[in-house]
Amino acid sequence: MTVFVHEALDMDDVFPGGVLVQTFGGMASWNPHVHCLVTDVCWDRDGNIHSMPDLDSADIHGIERVFAGLVFKMLLDEDMISEKLVENMNSWKHSGFSVHCGKPIKACDADGRKTLSEYISRAPFSLERMSFNQYSKSVVYKGEHFHLTLARNFDV
């Protein structure tokens, strides 16, 4: 996001809001992804506030490509991924890199802030989804949806 802001504002010394990382999916599986809460303003080192530009679909696609490129570069530099895999992933219709630009949440929108904070800070396991099966003596974790590739719920 910082790269986009620097380009869009033609300023190298401005910085947007923060990033939160989440590493689990709905079935408590390894699913690293990033949730970014980005402010609609950014700041320079002197504390001056600069308005963020409005984003259109081309901007969002550009942010996706820059982010994917930076992640691939990091993984290549660390010898954790091959050039062939990067090329392959770049050819996918859904590469795994996406940006969702939702509606802004106003400072006065307490319900919106609460809903968002609960979503991004949730624990990997939900007690409401866990049950004990007396017959099998196992704990079952029920995902949001029946998991087709597992063809079952998640046994804990």
C-alpha atoms as a PDB file:
ATOM      1  CA  MET A   1       0.000   0.000   0.000  1.00  0.00           C
ATOM      2  CA  THR A   2       2.872   2.352   0.781  1.00  0.00           C
ATOM      3  CA  VAL A   3       4.272   1.862  -2.742  1.00  0.00           C
ATOM      4  CA  PHE A   4       0.860   2.791  -4.201  1.00  0.00           C
ATOM      5  CA  VAL A   5       0.538   5.869  -1.969  1.00  0.00           C
ATOM      6  CA  HIS A   6       4.036   7.068  -2.892  1.00  0.00           C
ATOM      7  CA  GLU A   7       3.197   6.737  -6.602  1.00  0.00           C
ATOM      8  CA  ALA A   8      -0.343   8.164  -6.386  1.00  0.00           C
ATOM      9  CA  LEU A   9       0.670  11.225  -4.359  1.00  0.00           C
ATOM     10  CA  ASP A  10       4.120  11.571  -5.986  1.00  0.00           C
ATOM     11  CA  MET A  11       5.581  11.755  -2.487  1.00  0.00           C
ATOM     12  CA  ASP A  12       8.119   9.333  -0.994  1.00  0.00           C
ATOM     13  CA  ASP A  13       7.785  10.471   2.603  1.00  0.00           C
ATOM     14  CA  VAL A  14       4.147   9.619   3.423  1.00  0.00           C
ATOM     15  CA  PHE A  15       2.775   6.573   5.204  1.00  0.00           C
ATOM     16  CA  PRO A  16      -0.749   5.059   5.436  1.00  0.00           C
ATOM     17  CA  GLY A  17      -2.448   3.078   8.253  1.00  0.00           C
ATOM     18  CA  GLY A  18      -1.619  -0.368   9.729  1.00  0.00           C
ATOM     19  CA  VAL A  19      -1.663  -4.070   8.861  1.00  0.00           C
ATOM     20  CA  LEU A  20      -2.928  -7.129  10.762  1.00  0.00           C
ATOM     21  CA  VAL A  21      -1.889 -10.674   9.826  1.00  0.00           C
ATOM     22  CA  GLN A  22      -4.083 -13.750  10.050  1.00  0.00           C
ATOM     23  CA  THR A  23      -2.798 -17.280   9.377  1.00  0.00           C
ATOM     24  CA  PHE A  24      -5.836 -19.539   9.595  1.00  0.00           C
ATOM     25  CA  GLY A  25      -8.872 -20.344   7.522  1.00  0.00           C
ATOM     26  CA  GLY A  26     -12.441 -21.293   8.408  1.00  0.00           C
ATOM     27  CA  MET A  27     -11.439 -24.923   8.994  1.00  0.00           C
ATOM     28  CA  ALA A  28      -8.534 -23.973  11.295  1.00  0.00           C
ATOM     29  CA  SER A  29      -6.149 -24.710   8.421  1.00  0.00           C
ATOM     30  CA  TRP A  30      -2.924 -22.906   7.522  1.00  0.00           C
ATOM     31  CA  ASN A  31      -4.098 -20.075   5.297  1.00  0.00           C
ATOM     32  CA  PRO A  32      -1.755 -17.091   5.548  1.00  0.00           C
ATOM     33  CA  HIS A  33      -3.322 -13.855   4.469  1.00  0.00           C
ATOM     34  CA  VAL A  34      -3.202 -10.197   5.361  1.00  0.00           C
ATOM     35  CA  HIS A  35      -5.990  -7.943   6.510  1.00  0.00           C
ATOM     36  CA  CYS A  36      -5.121  -4.305   5.940  1.00  0.00           C
ATOM     37  CA  LEU A  37      -6.973  -1.498   7.587  1.00  0.00           C
ATOM     38  CA  VAL A  38      -5.937   1.524   5.611  1.00  0.00           C
ATOM     39  CA  THR A  39      -6.731   5.033   6.708  1.00  0.00           C
ATOM     40  CA  ASP A  40      -8.169   7.491   4.197  1.00  0.00           C
ATOM     41  CA  VAL A  41      -5.307   9.853   4.982  1.00  0.00           C
ATOM     42  CA  CYS A  42      -1.571   9.381   5.352  1.00  0.00           C
ATOM     43  CA  TRP A  43       1.098  11.261   7.236  1.00  0.00           C
ATOM     44  CA  ASP A  44       4.563  12.530   6.476  1.00  0.00           C
ATOM     45  CA  ARG A  45       7.450  12.489   8.969  1.00  0.00           C
ATOM     46  CA  ASP A  46       6.593  16.032  10.102  1.00  0.00           C
ATOM     47  CA  GLY A  47       3.049  14.957  11.067  1.00  0.00           C
ATOM     48  CA  ASN A  48       1.336  16.679   8.146  1.00  0.00           C
ATOM     49  CA  ILE A  49      -1.830  14.951   6.901  1.00  0.00           C
ATOM     50  CA  HIS A  50      -2.310  14.152   3.204  1.00  0.00           C
ATOM     51  CA  SER A  51      -5.577  12.875   1.690  1.00  0.00           C
ATOM     52  CA  MET A  52      -5.445   9.468   0.055  1.00  0.00           C
ATOM     53  CA  PRO A  53      -6.520   9.295  -3.576  1.00  0.00           C
ATOM     54  CA  ASP A  54      -9.817   7.602  -4.463  1.00  0.00           C
ATOM     55  CA  LEU A  55      -9.293   4.035  -5.676  1.00  0.00           C
ATOM     56  CA  ASP A  56     -10.799   2.604  -8.838  1.00  0.00           C
ATOM     57  CA  SER A  57     -10.656  -1.006 -10.069  1.00  0.00           C
ATOM     58  CA  ALA A  58      -7.431  -0.343 -12.010  1.00  0.00           C
ATOM     59  CA  ASP A  59      -5.781   0.947  -8.815  1.00  0.00           C
ATOM     60  CA  ILE A  60      -6.936  -2.110  -6.879  1.00  0.00           C
ATOM     61  CA  HIS A  61      -5.593  -4.446  -9.574  1.00  0.00           C
ATOM     62  CA  GLY A  62      -2.313  -2.516  -9.525  1.00  0.00           C
ATOM     63  CA  ILE A  63      -2.043  -2.874  -5.746  1.00  0.00           C
ATOM     64  CA  GLU A  64      -2.655  -6.642  -6.106  1.00  0.00           C
ATOM     65  CA  ARG A  65       0.126  -6.943  -8.718  1.00  0.00           C
ATOM     66  CA  VAL A  66       2.625  -4.875  -6.685  1.00  0.00           C
ATOM     67  CA  PHE A  67       1.863  -6.893  -3.526  1.00  0.00           C
ATOM     68  CA  ALA A  68       2.152 -10.218  -5.386  1.00  0.00           C
ATOM     69  CA  GLY A  69       5.442  -9.085  -6.938  1.00  0.00           C
ATOM     70  CA  LEU A  70       6.882  -8.102  -3.556  1.00  0.00           C
ATOM     71  CA  VAL A  71       5.808 -11.403  -1.961  1.00  0.00           C
ATOM     72  CA  PHE A  72       7.217 -13.428  -4.864  1.00  0.00           C
ATOM     73  CA  LYS A  73      10.485 -11.450  -4.736  1.00  0.00           C
ATOM     74  CA  MET A  74      10.831 -12.103  -1.007  1.00  0.00           C
ATOM     75  CA  LEU A  75      10.151 -15.831  -1.453  1.00  0.00           C
ATOM     76  CA  LEU A  76      12.558 -16.054  -4.405  1.00  0.00           C
ATOM     77  CA  ASP A  77      15.278 -14.170  -2.499  1.00  0.00           C
ATOM     78  CA  GLU A  78      14.903 -16.646   0.382  1.00  0.00           C
ATOM     79  CA  ASP A  79      14.940 -19.650  -1.999  1.00  0.00           C
ATOM     80  CA  MET A  80      11.502 -20.647  -0.733  1.00  0.00           C
ATOM     81  CA  ILE A  81       9.840 -20.730  -4.163  1.00  0.00           C
ATOM     82  CA  SER A  82      10.970 -21.344  -7.751  1.00  0.00           C
ATOM     83  CA  GLU A  83      10.718 -19.052 -10.779  1.00  0.00           C
ATOM     84  CA  LYS A  84       8.623 -21.770 -12.440  1.00  0.00           C
ATOM     85  CA  LEU A  85       6.078 -21.709  -9.604  1.00  0.00           C
ATOM     86  CA  VAL A  86       5.917 -17.900  -9.723  1.00  0.00           C
ATOM     87  CA  GLU A  87       5.307 -18.059 -13.469  1.00  0.00           C
ATOM     88  CA  ASN A  88       2.667 -20.739 -12.951  1.00  0.00           C
ATOM     89  CA  MET A  89       0.869 -18.791 -10.201  1.00  0.00           C
ATOM     90  CA  ASN A  90       0.938 -15.611 -12.283  1.00  0.00           C
ATOM     91  CA  SER A  91      -0.971 -17.501 -15.004  1.00  0.00           C
ATOM     92  CA  TRP A  92      -3.830 -18.516 -12.673  1.00  0.00           C
ATOM     93  CA  LYS A  93      -7.164 -16.746 -12.968  1.00  0.00           C
ATOM     94  CA  HIS A  94      -7.264 -16.565  -9.140  1.00  0.00           C
ATOM     95  CA  SER A  95      -3.620 -16.308  -8.075  1.00  0.00           C
ATOM     96  CA  GLY A  96      -4.389 -16.060  -4.372  1.00  0.00           C
ATOM     97  CA  PHE A  97      -3.594 -12.349  -4.316  1.00  0.00           C
ATOM     98  CA  SER A  98      -6.629 -10.124  -4.077  1.00  0.00           C
ATOM     99  CA  VAL A  99      -7.581  -6.755  -2.684  1.00  0.00           C
ATOM    100  CA  HIS A 100     -11.043  -5.969  -1.414  1.00  0.00           C
ATOM    101  CA  CYS A 101     -11.782  -2.306  -1.018  1.00  0.00           C
ATOM    102  CA  GLY A 102     -14.853  -2.127   1.196  1.00  0.00           C
ATOM    103  CA  LYS A 103     -16.849   0.894   2.149  1.00  0.00           C
ATOM    104  CA  PRO A 104     -15.170   3.295   4.551  1.00  0.00           C
ATOM    105  CA  ILE A 105     -16.017   2.994   8.232  1.00  0.00           C
ATOM    106  CA  LYS A 106     -16.578   6.370   9.824  1.00  0.00           C
ATOM    107  CA  ALA A 107     -15.101   7.209  13.238  1.00  0.00           C
ATOM    108  CA  CYS A 108     -18.642   7.677  14.590  1.00  0.00           C
ATOM    109  CA  ASP A 109     -19.783   4.210  13.335  1.00  0.00           C
ATOM    110  CA  ALA A 110     -19.367   2.241  16.586  1.00  0.00           C
ATOM    111  CA  ASP A 111     -21.195  -0.843  15.247  1.00  0.00           C
ATOM    112  CA  GLY A 112     -19.091  -0.886  12.061  1.00  0.00           C
ATOM    113  CA  ARG A 113     -15.842  -0.572  14.026  1.00  0.00           C
ATOM    114  CA  LYS A 114     -16.944  -3.318  16.448  1.00  0.00           C
ATOM    115  CA  THR A 115     -17.936  -5.726  13.647  1.00  0.00           C
ATOM    116  CA  LEU A 116     -14.657  -5.161  11.807  1.00  0.00           C
ATOM    117  CA  SER A 117     -12.506  -5.515  14.919  1.00  0.00           C
ATOM    118  CA  GLU A 118     -14.271  -8.756  15.872  1.00  0.00           C
ATOM    119  CA  TYR A 119     -13.719 -10.148  12.379  1.00  0.00           C
ATOM    120  CA  ILE A 120     -10.004  -9.383  12.150  1.00  0.00           C
ATOM    121  CA  SER A 121      -9.149 -10.323  15.740  1.00  0.00           C
ATOM    122  CA  ARG A 122     -11.115 -13.563  16.012  1.00  0.00           C
ATOM    123  CA  ALA A 123      -9.469 -16.664  17.394  1.00  0.00           C
ATOM    124  CA  PRO A 124      -8.700 -19.576  15.066  1.00  0.00           C
ATOM    125  CA  PHE A 125     -11.194 -21.761  16.955  1.00  0.00           C
ATOM    126  CA  SER A 126     -14.770 -20.850  17.842  1.00  0.00           C
ATOM    127  CA  LEU A 127     -16.256 -22.540  20.910  1.00  0.00           C
ATOM    128  CA  GLU A 128     -19.685 -22.420  19.250  1.00  0.00           C
ATOM    129  CA  ARG A 129     -18.376 -24.667  16.454  1.00  0.00           C
ATOM    130  CA  MET A 130     -16.871 -27.267  18.787  1.00  0.00           C
ATOM    131  CA  SER A 131     -18.743 -30.262  20.170  1.00  0.00           C
ATOM    132  CA  PHE A 132     -17.827 -33.484  21.927  1.00  0.00           C
ATOM    133  CA  ASN A 133     -18.983 -36.708  20.301  1.00  0.00           C
ATOM    134  CA  GLN A 134     -19.651 -39.184  23.143  1.00  0.00           C
ATOM    135  CA  TYR A 135     -19.771 -42.166  20.781  1.00  0.00           C
ATOM    136  CA  SER A 136     -16.380 -41.600  19.150  1.00  0.00           C
ATOM    137  CA  LYS A 137     -14.865 -39.798  22.167  1.00  0.00           C
ATOM    138  CA  SER A 138     -13.654 -37.013  19.883  1.00  0.00           C
ATOM    139  CA  VAL A 139     -14.026 -33.278  19.580  1.00  0.00           C
ATOM    140  CA  VAL A 140     -15.563 -32.178  16.284  1.00  0.00           C
ATOM    141  CA  TYR A 141     -15.055 -28.717  14.851  1.00  0.00           C
ATOM    142  CA  LYS A 142     -17.786 -27.737  12.397  1.00  0.00           C
ATOM    143  CA  GLY A 143     -16.703 -25.298   9.737  1.00  0.00           C
ATOM    144  CA  GLU A 144     -18.874 -22.582   8.296  1.00  0.00           C
ATOM    145  CA  HIS A 145     -19.549 -24.825   5.313  1.00  0.00           C
ATOM    146  CA  PHE A 146     -19.095 -28.541   4.756  1.00  0.00           C
ATOM    147  CA  HIS A 147     -15.512 -28.906   3.485  1.00  0.00           C
ATOM    148  CA  LEU A 148     -15.679 -30.641   0.092  1.00  0.00           C
ATOM    149  CA  THR A 149     -12.034 -31.705  -0.179  1.00  0.00           C
ATOM    150  CA  LEU A 150     -12.078 -33.182   3.320  1.00  0.00           C
ATOM    151  CA  ALA A 151     -15.644 -34.502   2.806  1.00  0.00           C
ATOM    152  CA  ARG A 152     -16.149 -34.141   6.551  1.00  0.00           C
ATOM    153  CA  ASN A 153     -15.935 -31.735   9.425  1.00  0.00           C
ATOM    154  CA  PHE A 154     -12.594 -31.139  11.096  1.00  0.00           C
ATOM    155  CA  ASP A 155     -11.736 -33.652  13.856  1.00  0.00           C
ATOM    156  CA  VAL A 156      -9.697 -32.129  16.677  1.00  0.00           C
END
